[in-house]
Amino acid sequence: MFHSQSKQAKLEIEKLFHEVQINLENNYKDLAIGARKQAESKLAQFKEEGRLSDKVYHKLKITLDDYTKRMEGYHH
């Protein structure tokens, strides 16, 4: 069961990353910012709840950090 929860949590974060990517590609900065913030919040929540292993968390955190760096000049 834990494995299933971990997989679901990972898929939910990846779905938000996909939303960020699509919005960036379409130059929808506000939507990209919102999706990134949601992903950041969910990632922290799932880590705190123990739904993500350290390995998966760090991999997703690197992706989130990459998006954050790409969006440095964006303002909401």
N, C-alpha and C. Protein backbone atom coordinates (compact mmCIF):
# COMPACT_ATOMS: atom_id res chain seq x y z
N MET A 1 0.83 -1.20 0.00
CA MET A 1 0.00 0.00 0.00
C MET A 1 0.87 1.26 0.00
N PHE A 2 1.96 1.24 0.79
CA PHE A 2 2.84 2.40 0.84
C PHE A 2 3.40 2.71 -0.54
N HIS A 3 3.78 1.66 -1.26
CA HIS A 3 4.33 1.85 -2.60
C HIS A 3 3.31 2.54 -3.50
N SER A 4 2.06 2.15 -3.37
CA SER A 4 1.00 2.75 -4.18
C SER A 4 0.83 4.23 -3.86
N GLN A 5 0.88 4.58 -2.58
CA GLN A 5 0.76 5.98 -2.18
C GLN A 5 1.94 6.78 -2.69
N SER A 6 3.12 6.21 -2.63
CA SER A 6 4.32 6.87 -3.12
C SER A 6 4.22 7.13 -4.62
N LYS A 7 3.75 6.13 -5.33
CA LYS A 7 3.61 6.26 -6.78
C LYS A 7 2.58 7.33 -7.12
N GLN A 8 1.46 7.35 -6.40
CA GLN A 8 0.42 8.35 -6.63
C GLN A 8 0.95 9.76 -6.35
N ALA A 9 1.69 9.90 -5.26
CA ALA A 9 2.25 11.21 -4.90
C ALA A 9 3.21 11.69 -5.99
N LYS A 10 4.07 10.79 -6.45
CA LYS A 10 5.03 11.13 -7.51
C LYS A 10 4.30 11.55 -8.78
N LEU A 11 3.27 10.80 -9.15
CA LEU A 11 2.51 11.13 -10.36
C LEU A 11 1.81 12.48 -10.23
N GLU A 12 1.32 12.80 -9.05
CA GLU A 12 0.66 14.09 -8.84
C GLU A 12 1.65 15.24 -9.01
N ILE A 13 2.84 15.09 -8.48
CA ILE A 13 3.88 16.12 -8.63
C ILE A 13 4.29 16.24 -10.10
N GLU A 14 4.48 15.11 -10.76
CA GLU A 14 4.87 15.14 -12.17
C GLU A 14 3.79 15.78 -13.04
N LYS A 15 2.55 15.58 -12.68
CA LYS A 15 1.45 16.23 -13.41
C LYS A 15 1.54 17.75 -13.27
N LEU A 16 1.86 18.22 -12.07
CA LEU A 16 2.02 19.66 -11.86
C LEU A 16 3.24 20.18 -12.63
N PHE A 17 4.33 19.40 -12.67
CA PHE A 17 5.50 19.80 -13.45
C PHE A 17 5.14 19.92 -14.94
N HIS A 18 4.32 18.99 -15.41
CA HIS A 18 3.88 19.04 -16.81
C HIS A 18 3.07 20.32 -17.06
N GLU A 19 2.23 20.68 -16.10
CA GLU A 19 1.44 21.90 -16.22
C GLU A 19 2.35 23.13 -16.27
N VAL A 20 3.39 23.14 -15.43
CA VAL A 20 4.36 24.25 -15.46
C VAL A 20 5.00 24.32 -16.84
N GLN A 21 5.46 23.18 -17.35
CA GLN A 21 6.14 23.14 -18.64
C GLN A 21 5.25 23.64 -19.77
N ILE A 22 4.02 23.17 -19.81
CA ILE A 22 3.09 23.59 -20.86
C ILE A 22 2.85 25.10 -20.78
N ASN A 23 2.66 25.60 -19.58
CA ASN A 23 2.42 27.04 -19.43
C ASN A 23 3.64 27.87 -19.81
N LEU A 24 4.82 27.37 -19.50
CA LEU A 24 6.04 28.08 -19.91
C LEU A 24 6.16 28.09 -21.43
N GLU A 25 5.88 26.96 -22.06
CA GLU A 25 5.98 26.88 -23.51
C GLU A 25 4.99 27.81 -24.20
N ASN A 26 3.85 28.04 -23.57
CA ASN A 26 2.83 28.91 -24.15
C ASN A 26 2.92 30.35 -23.64
N ASN A 27 3.98 30.61 -22.87
CA ASN A 27 4.24 31.95 -22.34
C ASN A 27 3.12 32.44 -21.41
N TYR A 28 2.50 31.51 -20.69
CA TYR A 28 1.49 31.86 -19.69
C TYR A 28 2.19 31.93 -18.33
N LYS A 29 2.85 33.05 -18.09
CA LYS A 29 3.70 33.18 -16.92
C LYS A 29 2.94 33.04 -15.61
N ASP A 30 1.79 33.69 -15.48
CA ASP A 30 1.03 33.62 -14.24
C ASP A 30 0.59 32.19 -13.93
N LEU A 31 0.15 31.48 -14.95
CA LEU A 31 -0.27 30.09 -14.75
C LEU A 31 0.92 29.20 -14.41
N ALA A 32 2.05 29.46 -15.03
CA ALA A 32 3.26 28.69 -14.73
C ALA A 32 3.71 28.93 -13.29
N ILE A 33 3.64 30.18 -12.86
CA ILE A 33 4.00 30.51 -11.48
C ILE A 33 3.08 29.78 -10.51
N GLY A 34 1.79 29.80 -10.78
CA GLY A 34 0.82 29.14 -9.92
C GLY A 34 1.05 27.63 -9.85
N ALA A 35 1.30 27.02 -10.97
CA ALA A 35 1.54 25.57 -11.01
C ALA A 35 2.84 25.22 -10.28
N ARG A 36 3.86 26.05 -10.42
CA ARG A 36 5.13 25.80 -9.72
C ARG A 36 4.93 25.90 -8.21
N LYS A 37 4.16 26.90 -7.78
CA LYS A 37 3.89 27.04 -6.34
C LYS A 37 3.10 25.85 -5.80
N GLN A 38 2.15 25.37 -6.59
CA GLN A 38 1.38 24.18 -6.20
C GLN A 38 2.30 22.97 -6.08
N ALA A 39 3.18 22.81 -7.06
CA ALA A 39 4.11 21.68 -7.04
C ALA A 39 5.02 21.76 -5.83
N GLU A 40 5.50 22.95 -5.53
CA GLU A 40 6.37 23.16 -4.37
C GLU A 40 5.64 22.79 -3.07
N SER A 41 4.42 23.22 -2.96
CA SER A 41 3.62 22.95 -1.77
C SER A 41 3.33 21.45 -1.62
N LYS A 42 2.92 20.82 -2.71
CA LYS A 42 2.61 19.38 -2.68
C LYS A 42 3.87 18.56 -2.38
N LEU A 43 4.99 18.96 -2.95
CA LEU A 43 6.23 18.23 -2.72
C LEU A 43 6.59 18.27 -1.23
N ALA A 44 6.49 19.43 -0.63
CA ALA A 44 6.77 19.56 0.80
C ALA A 44 5.77 18.75 1.63
N GLN A 45 4.50 18.82 1.26
CA GLN A 45 3.46 18.09 1.97
C GLN A 45 3.69 16.59 1.92
N PHE A 46 3.96 16.07 0.72
CA PHE A 46 4.15 14.63 0.56
C PHE A 46 5.42 14.17 1.28
N LYS A 47 6.45 14.99 1.29
CA LYS A 47 7.68 14.64 2.00
C LYS A 47 7.39 14.57 3.50
N GLU A 48 6.68 15.56 4.01
CA GLU A 48 6.35 15.60 5.43
C GLU A 48 5.48 14.41 5.84
N GLU A 49 4.56 14.02 4.97
CA GLU A 49 3.67 12.90 5.25
C GLU A 49 4.35 11.55 5.06
N GLY A 50 5.56 11.56 4.51
CA GLY A 50 6.28 10.31 4.28
C GLY A 50 5.82 9.55 3.05
N ARG A 51 5.14 10.24 2.16
CA ARG A 51 4.63 9.58 0.96
C ARG A 51 5.67 9.50 -0.15
N LEU A 52 6.80 10.15 0.04
CA LEU A 52 7.89 10.10 -0.95
C LEU A 52 9.16 9.64 -0.26
N SER A 53 9.87 8.74 -0.90
CA SER A 53 11.17 8.32 -0.38
C SER A 53 12.15 9.48 -0.56
N ASP A 54 13.26 9.42 0.17
CA ASP A 54 14.27 10.47 0.04
C ASP A 54 14.79 10.56 -1.39
N LYS A 55 15.00 9.41 -2.01
CA LYS A 55 15.52 9.37 -3.38
C LYS A 55 14.57 10.06 -4.36
N VAL A 56 13.29 9.72 -4.28
CA VAL A 56 12.30 10.31 -5.18
C VAL A 56 12.13 11.80 -4.86
N TYR A 57 12.11 12.14 -3.59
CA TYR A 57 11.98 13.54 -3.19
C TYR A 57 13.11 14.38 -3.79
N HIS A 58 14.33 13.92 -3.63
CA HIS A 58 15.47 14.70 -4.13
C HIS A 58 15.45 14.83 -5.65
N LYS A 59 15.03 13.80 -6.33
CA LYS A 59 14.93 13.86 -7.80
C LYS A 59 13.88 14.91 -8.21
N LEU A 60 12.73 14.89 -7.55
CA LEU A 60 11.68 15.86 -7.86
C LEU A 60 12.08 17.27 -7.44
N LYS A 61 12.81 17.38 -6.34
CA LYS A 61 13.27 18.69 -5.85
C LYS A 61 14.23 19.32 -6.85
N ILE A 62 15.07 18.52 -7.47
CA ILE A 62 16.00 19.03 -8.49
C ILE A 62 15.21 19.60 -9.67
N THR A 63 14.18 18.88 -10.10
CA THR A 63 13.33 19.36 -11.19
C THR A 63 12.64 20.67 -10.80
N LEU A 64 12.11 20.72 -9.59
CA LEU A 64 11.46 21.94 -9.11
C LEU A 64 12.45 23.10 -9.08
N ASP A 65 13.65 22.85 -8.59
CA ASP A 65 14.68 23.89 -8.54
C ASP A 65 15.04 24.39 -9.94
N ASP A 66 15.05 23.50 -10.92
CA ASP A 66 15.32 23.90 -12.30
C ASP A 66 14.23 24.84 -12.82
N TYR A 67 12.98 24.50 -12.54
CA TYR A 67 11.88 25.39 -12.95
C TYR A 67 11.97 26.73 -12.23
N THR A 68 12.28 26.69 -10.95
CA THR A 68 12.40 27.92 -10.16
C THR A 68 13.49 28.82 -10.76
N LYS A 69 14.61 28.24 -11.11
CA LYS A 69 15.70 29.02 -11.70
C LYS A 69 15.29 29.61 -13.05
N ARG A 70 14.60 28.82 -13.87
CA ARG A 70 14.14 29.31 -15.19
C ARG A 70 13.16 30.47 -15.04
N MET A 71 12.46 30.50 -13.93
CA MET A 71 11.38 31.49 -13.76
C MET A 71 11.80 32.65 -12.84
N GLU A 72 13.09 32.81 -12.60
CA GLU A 72 13.57 33.84 -11.67
C GLU A 72 13.05 35.24 -11.98
N GLY A 73 12.97 35.62 -13.22
CA GLY A 73 12.56 36.97 -13.58
C GLY A 73 11.05 37.17 -13.66
N TYR A 74 10.30 36.12 -13.41
CA TYR A 74 8.85 36.21 -13.50
C TYR A 74 8.29 36.79 -12.21
N HIS A 75 7.35 37.68 -12.37
CA HIS A 75 6.69 38.26 -11.20
C HIS A 75 5.20 38.07 -11.34
N HIS A 76 4.55 37.81 -10.24
CA HIS A 76 3.11 37.54 -10.25
C HIS A 76 2.32 38.83 -10.13
